[in-house]
Amino acid sequence: MTLQYHEKCMRKDGGRFCQDLKVIGDQIVANWWRKEGHRVDVADVTDILAASPEVLVVGTGYAGFMEVSKPLRSALKDHNIQLIAEKTPEALRAFNQLHSERKRVAGAFHLTC
């Protein structure tokens, strides 16, 4: 699976996604909403925690406005899940690289701002 990011939309295998999304395994969870729009917390990624990836890559938006909460950072540490949080273009590059290395990687991507 290789994801592409262009004009604040993501593409995978011909599908185009222009709203925030999560990637768990080879599945895309489209139209991802968070309790607080520009903050991702534990409750927003319970499905990812249940999947037990090695790495969670968070795309914080084109300009990086979304933040990862301290409680989520702690939960990831408790579950031995590495966190990479970067602006979405850089986060997507990291996600694709880790996926190509056959790491168990999940993604949570804010596609705008």
N, C-alpha and C. Protein backbone atom coordinates (compact mmCIF):
# COMPACT_ATOMS: atom_id res chain seq x y z
N MET A 1 0.86 -1.18 0.00
CA MET A 1 0.00 0.00 0.00
C MET A 1 0.89 1.23 0.00
N THR A 2 0.67 2.10 -0.94
CA THR A 2 1.34 3.39 -0.95
C THR A 2 0.27 4.46 -1.01
N LEU A 3 0.35 5.39 -0.07
CA LEU A 3 -0.58 6.50 -0.04
C LEU A 3 0.08 7.72 -0.66
N GLN A 4 -0.71 8.53 -1.33
CA GLN A 4 -0.22 9.78 -1.92
C GLN A 4 -1.04 10.94 -1.37
N TYR A 5 -0.38 12.08 -1.20
CA TYR A 5 -1.03 13.28 -0.65
C TYR A 5 -0.83 14.41 -1.65
N HIS A 6 -1.94 14.97 -2.11
CA HIS A 6 -1.87 16.05 -3.10
C HIS A 6 -3.09 16.93 -2.94
N GLU A 7 -2.88 18.23 -2.88
CA GLU A 7 -3.97 19.19 -2.77
C GLU A 7 -4.91 18.86 -1.61
N LYS A 8 -4.32 18.52 -0.46
CA LYS A 8 -5.04 18.24 0.78
C LYS A 8 -6.00 17.06 0.67
N CYS A 9 -5.71 16.15 -0.25
CA CYS A 9 -6.45 14.91 -0.39
C CYS A 9 -5.45 13.76 -0.43
N MET A 10 -5.91 12.57 -0.05
CA MET A 10 -5.06 11.40 -0.07
C MET A 10 -5.61 10.42 -1.10
N ARG A 11 -4.71 9.71 -1.74
CA ARG A 11 -5.11 8.73 -2.74
C ARG A 11 -4.50 7.38 -2.39
N LYS A 12 -5.29 6.34 -2.66
CA LYS A 12 -4.83 4.97 -2.50
C LYS A 12 -5.57 4.12 -3.52
N ASP A 13 -4.82 3.44 -4.36
CA ASP A 13 -5.40 2.51 -5.33
C ASP A 13 -6.59 3.10 -6.09
N GLY A 14 -6.46 4.33 -6.53
CA GLY A 14 -7.51 4.96 -7.30
C GLY A 14 -8.59 5.64 -6.47
N GLY A 15 -8.64 5.37 -5.17
CA GLY A 15 -9.60 6.04 -4.30
C GLY A 15 -9.06 7.39 -3.87
N ARG A 16 -9.93 8.36 -3.71
CA ARG A 16 -9.53 9.71 -3.32
C ARG A 16 -10.28 10.09 -2.04
N PHE A 17 -9.53 10.52 -1.03
CA PHE A 17 -10.09 10.86 0.26
C PHE A 17 -9.70 12.29 0.59
N CYS A 18 -10.69 13.14 0.84
CA CYS A 18 -10.42 14.56 1.10
C CYS A 18 -10.84 14.97 2.50
N GLN A 19 -11.17 14.02 3.34
CA GLN A 19 -11.46 14.29 4.74
C GLN A 19 -10.52 13.43 5.57
N ASP A 20 -10.31 13.84 6.81
CA ASP A 20 -9.38 13.15 7.68
C ASP A 20 -9.67 11.65 7.70
N LEU A 21 -8.61 10.87 7.88
CA LEU A 21 -8.76 9.42 7.84
C LEU A 21 -7.73 8.74 8.72
N LYS A 22 -8.03 7.47 9.00
CA LYS A 22 -7.10 6.60 9.71
C LYS A 22 -6.79 5.42 8.81
N VAL A 23 -5.60 4.87 8.98
CA VAL A 23 -5.20 3.67 8.26
C VAL A 23 -4.82 2.64 9.32
N ILE A 24 -5.51 1.52 9.30
CA ILE A 24 -5.26 0.45 10.26
C ILE A 24 -5.08 -0.82 9.45
N GLY A 25 -3.87 -1.35 9.47
CA GLY A 25 -3.57 -2.48 8.60
C GLY A 25 -3.67 -1.99 7.16
N ASP A 26 -4.43 -2.69 6.35
CA ASP A 26 -4.63 -2.27 4.96
C ASP A 26 -5.98 -1.60 4.76
N GLN A 27 -6.65 -1.26 5.86
CA GLN A 27 -7.97 -0.64 5.76
C GLN A 27 -7.91 0.86 6.02
N ILE A 28 -8.69 1.59 5.26
CA ILE A 28 -8.83 3.02 5.48
C ILE A 28 -10.15 3.28 6.18
N VAL A 29 -10.08 4.02 7.27
CA VAL A 29 -11.27 4.46 7.99
C VAL A 29 -11.47 5.92 7.59
N ALA A 30 -12.41 6.15 6.68
CA ALA A 30 -12.62 7.48 6.12
C ALA A 30 -13.45 8.36 7.06
N ASN A 31 -13.41 9.65 6.79
CA ASN A 31 -14.20 10.64 7.52
C ASN A 31 -13.98 10.57 9.03
N TRP A 32 -12.71 10.54 9.42
CA TRP A 32 -12.34 10.45 10.83
C TRP A 32 -12.61 11.77 11.53
N TRP A 33 -13.42 11.70 12.58
CA TRP A 33 -13.74 12.88 13.39
C TRP A 33 -13.15 12.69 14.78
N ARG A 34 -12.69 13.76 15.35
CA ARG A 34 -12.16 13.75 16.71
C ARG A 34 -13.08 14.54 17.62
N LYS A 35 -13.03 14.21 18.90
CA LYS A 35 -13.85 14.92 19.88
C LYS A 35 -13.52 16.41 19.85
N GLU A 36 -12.25 16.73 19.75
CA GLU A 36 -11.80 18.12 19.60
C GLU A 36 -11.06 18.19 18.26
N GLY A 37 -11.53 19.03 17.37
CA GLY A 37 -11.06 19.06 15.99
C GLY A 37 -9.56 19.06 15.77
N HIS A 38 -8.83 19.88 16.48
CA HIS A 38 -7.38 19.98 16.24
C HIS A 38 -6.56 19.35 17.35
N ARG A 39 -7.14 18.34 17.97
CA ARG A 39 -6.43 17.60 19.02
C ARG A 39 -6.83 16.14 18.88
N VAL A 40 -5.86 15.26 18.91
CA VAL A 40 -6.15 13.82 18.87
C VAL A 40 -5.87 13.25 20.25
N ASP A 41 -6.86 12.53 20.78
CA ASP A 41 -6.79 11.98 22.12
C ASP A 41 -7.02 10.47 22.07
N VAL A 42 -6.89 9.83 23.20
CA VAL A 42 -7.02 8.37 23.29
C VAL A 42 -8.34 7.90 22.69
N ALA A 43 -9.44 8.54 23.03
CA ALA A 43 -10.75 8.11 22.55
C ALA A 43 -10.88 8.18 21.03
N ASP A 44 -10.05 8.98 20.39
CA ASP A 44 -10.11 9.14 18.94
C ASP A 44 -9.41 8.02 18.17
N VAL A 45 -8.61 7.22 18.88
CA VAL A 45 -7.83 6.18 18.21
C VAL A 45 -7.90 4.84 18.94
N THR A 46 -9.00 4.55 19.60
CA THR A 46 -9.11 3.28 20.32
C THR A 46 -8.97 2.09 19.37
N ASP A 47 -9.47 2.22 18.15
CA ASP A 47 -9.34 1.14 17.17
C ASP A 47 -7.88 0.91 16.80
N ILE A 48 -7.10 1.96 16.74
CA ILE A 48 -5.68 1.82 16.45
C ILE A 48 -4.97 1.16 17.63
N LEU A 49 -5.27 1.59 18.84
CA LEU A 49 -4.66 0.96 20.02
C LEU A 49 -4.99 -0.53 20.07
N ALA A 50 -6.23 -0.89 19.75
CA ALA A 50 -6.65 -2.30 19.75
C ALA A 50 -5.89 -3.12 18.71
N ALA A 51 -5.48 -2.49 17.62
CA ALA A 51 -4.75 -3.18 16.56
C ALA A 51 -3.28 -3.43 16.92
N SER A 52 -2.78 -2.76 17.94
CA SER A 52 -1.41 -2.93 18.44
C SER A 52 -0.33 -2.78 17.36
N PRO A 53 -0.29 -1.65 16.68
CA PRO A 53 0.80 -1.46 15.71
C PRO A 53 2.12 -1.22 16.44
N GLU A 54 3.21 -1.35 15.72
CA GLU A 54 4.51 -1.00 16.28
C GLU A 54 4.67 0.52 16.33
N VAL A 55 4.09 1.17 15.31
CA VAL A 55 4.25 2.62 15.15
C VAL A 55 2.91 3.24 14.78
N LEU A 56 2.63 4.39 15.38
CA LEU A 56 1.50 5.22 14.96
C LEU A 56 2.07 6.49 14.36
N VAL A 57 1.73 6.73 13.11
CA VAL A 57 2.14 7.96 12.43
C VAL A 57 0.94 8.89 12.41
N VAL A 58 1.12 10.08 12.97
CA VAL A 58 0.05 11.07 13.00
C VAL A 58 0.43 12.22 12.08
N GLY A 59 -0.42 12.48 11.10
CA GLY A 59 -0.26 13.64 10.23
C GLY A 59 -1.03 14.79 10.85
N THR A 60 -0.32 15.83 11.25
CA THR A 60 -0.93 16.92 12.01
C THR A 60 -1.53 18.02 11.13
N GLY A 61 -1.67 17.75 9.85
CA GLY A 61 -2.24 18.72 8.91
C GLY A 61 -1.17 19.32 8.03
N TYR A 62 -1.60 19.96 6.96
CA TYR A 62 -0.66 20.55 6.01
C TYR A 62 0.26 21.55 6.70
N ALA A 63 -0.30 22.36 7.61
CA ALA A 63 0.50 23.36 8.33
C ALA A 63 0.85 22.91 9.75
N GLY A 64 0.37 21.72 10.15
CA GLY A 64 0.74 21.18 11.45
C GLY A 64 -0.07 21.69 12.63
N PHE A 65 -1.34 22.05 12.42
CA PHE A 65 -2.15 22.64 13.49
C PHE A 65 -2.71 21.63 14.50
N MET A 66 -2.82 20.35 14.12
CA MET A 66 -3.37 19.37 15.05
C MET A 66 -2.30 18.92 16.03
N GLU A 67 -2.69 18.72 17.28
CA GLU A 67 -1.73 18.28 18.30
C GLU A 67 -2.11 16.91 18.83
N VAL A 68 -1.11 16.19 19.33
CA VAL A 68 -1.31 14.91 19.98
C VAL A 68 -1.34 15.17 21.48
N SER A 69 -2.42 14.75 22.14
CA SER A 69 -2.58 15.04 23.57
C SER A 69 -1.54 14.28 24.42
N LYS A 70 -1.29 14.81 25.60
CA LYS A 70 -0.39 14.14 26.54
C LYS A 70 -0.94 12.78 26.96
N PRO A 71 -2.26 12.68 27.25
CA PRO A 71 -2.79 11.35 27.59
C PRO A 71 -2.59 10.31 26.47
N LEU A 72 -2.71 10.73 25.21
CA LEU A 72 -2.47 9.79 24.12
C LEU A 72 -1.00 9.41 24.06
N ARG A 73 -0.13 10.37 24.23
CA ARG A 73 1.31 10.06 24.24
C ARG A 73 1.62 9.03 25.32
N SER A 74 1.02 9.19 26.50
CA SER A 74 1.23 8.25 27.60
C SER A 74 0.66 6.87 27.27
N ALA A 75 -0.54 6.84 26.69
CA ALA A 75 -1.16 5.56 26.33
C ALA A 75 -0.32 4.81 25.30
N LEU A 76 0.21 5.53 24.33
CA LEU A 76 1.05 4.90 23.32
C LEU A 76 2.31 4.31 23.97
N LYS A 77 2.89 5.06 24.88
CA LYS A 77 4.08 4.57 25.59
C LYS A 77 3.73 3.31 26.39
N ASP A 78 2.59 3.33 27.08
CA ASP A 78 2.14 2.17 27.86
C ASP A 78 1.92 0.94 26.99
N HIS A 79 1.51 1.14 25.74
CA HIS A 79 1.27 0.04 24.80
C HIS A 79 2.50 -0.28 23.94
N ASN A 80 3.62 0.35 24.25
CA ASN A 80 4.87 0.15 23.48
C ASN A 80 4.68 0.44 22.00
N ILE A 81 3.95 1.51 21.70
CA ILE A 81 3.73 1.95 20.33
C ILE A 81 4.52 3.23 20.12
N GLN A 82 5.42 3.20 19.17
CA GLN A 82 6.20 4.40 18.84
C GLN A 82 5.30 5.42 18.17
N LEU A 83 5.51 6.69 18.46
CA LEU A 83 4.74 7.78 17.86
C LEU A 83 5.63 8.61 16.96
N ILE A 84 5.14 8.85 15.76
CA ILE A 84 5.75 9.82 14.86
C ILE A 84 4.64 10.82 14.54
N ALA A 85 4.82 12.07 14.92
CA ALA A 85 3.84 13.11 14.65
C ALA A 85 4.53 14.23 13.87
N GLU A 86 4.09 14.43 12.65
CA GLU A 86 4.68 15.42 11.74
C GLU A 86 3.57 16.06 10.92
N LYS A 87 3.90 17.14 10.25
CA LYS A 87 2.97 17.70 9.27
C LYS A 87 2.61 16.58 8.30
N THR A 88 1.41 16.61 7.79
CA THR A 88 0.90 15.48 7.00
C THR A 88 1.80 15.08 5.83
N PRO A 89 2.36 15.98 5.04
CA PRO A 89 3.22 15.50 3.95
C PRO A 89 4.41 14.68 4.46
N GLU A 90 5.06 15.13 5.53
CA GLU A 90 6.21 14.41 6.08
C GLU A 90 5.76 13.12 6.76
N ALA A 91 4.62 13.18 7.45
CA ALA A 91 4.08 11.99 8.11
C ALA A 91 3.77 10.90 7.10
N LEU A 92 3.22 11.28 5.97
CA LEU A 92 2.88 10.30 4.94
C LEU A 92 4.13 9.65 4.38
N ARG A 93 5.18 10.42 4.20
CA ARG A 93 6.45 9.83 3.73
C ARG A 93 6.94 8.80 4.75
N ALA A 94 6.88 9.14 6.05
CA ALA A 94 7.31 8.21 7.09
C ALA A 94 6.44 6.96 7.08
N PHE A 95 5.12 7.14 6.96
CA PHE A 95 4.20 6.01 6.93
C PHE A 95 4.54 5.08 5.77
N ASN A 96 4.69 5.63 4.57
CA ASN A 96 5.00 4.81 3.40
C ASN A 96 6.32 4.08 3.56
N GLN A 97 7.32 4.74 4.12
CA GLN A 97 8.63 4.11 4.33
C GLN A 97 8.50 2.94 5.31
N LEU A 98 7.85 3.17 6.44
CA LEU A 98 7.68 2.11 7.43
C LEU A 98 6.87 0.94 6.86
N HIS A 99 5.83 1.25 6.10
CA HIS A 99 5.03 0.20 5.48
C HIS A 99 5.87 -0.61 4.50
N SER A 100 6.73 0.05 3.74
CA SER A 100 7.59 -0.66 2.79
C SER A 100 8.61 -1.55 3.50
N GLU A 101 8.93 -1.20 4.75
CA GLU A 101 9.85 -2.01 5.56
C GLU A 101 9.11 -3.12 6.30
N ARG A 102 7.82 -3.25 6.01
CA ARG A 102 6.97 -4.28 6.61
C ARG A 102 6.78 -4.11 8.12
N LYS A 103 6.84 -2.88 8.58
CA LYS A 103 6.53 -2.58 9.99
C LYS A 103 5.02 -2.61 10.14
N ARG A 104 4.56 -2.94 11.33
CA ARG A 104 3.13 -2.84 11.63
C ARG A 104 2.88 -1.39 11.99
N VAL A 105 2.41 -0.64 11.00
CA VAL A 105 2.24 0.80 11.15
C VAL A 105 0.78 1.17 10.93
N ALA A 106 0.31 2.09 11.76
CA ALA A 106 -1.03 2.66 11.60
C ALA A 106 -0.87 4.16 11.39
N GLY A 107 -1.86 4.76 10.79
CA GLY A 107 -1.81 6.19 10.52
C GLY A 107 -3.09 6.89 10.91
N ALA A 108 -2.94 8.13 11.33
CA ALA A 108 -4.07 9.00 11.64
C ALA A 108 -3.74 10.35 11.02
N PHE A 109 -4.46 10.72 9.98
CA PHE A 109 -4.06 11.86 9.17
C PHE A 109 -5.11 12.97 9.12
N HIS A 110 -4.69 14.15 9.54
CA HIS A 110 -5.49 15.37 9.37
C HIS A 110 -5.06 15.93 8.02
N LEU A 111 -5.97 16.06 7.09
CA LEU A 111 -5.59 16.38 5.72
C LEU A 111 -5.56 17.87 5.40
N THR A 112 -6.25 18.67 6.18
CA THR A 112 -6.27 20.11 5.89
C THR A 112 -5.39 20.84 6.90
N CYS A 113 -5.55 22.10 7.00
CA CYS A 113 -4.80 23.02 7.87
C CYS A 113 -3.67 22.34 8.59
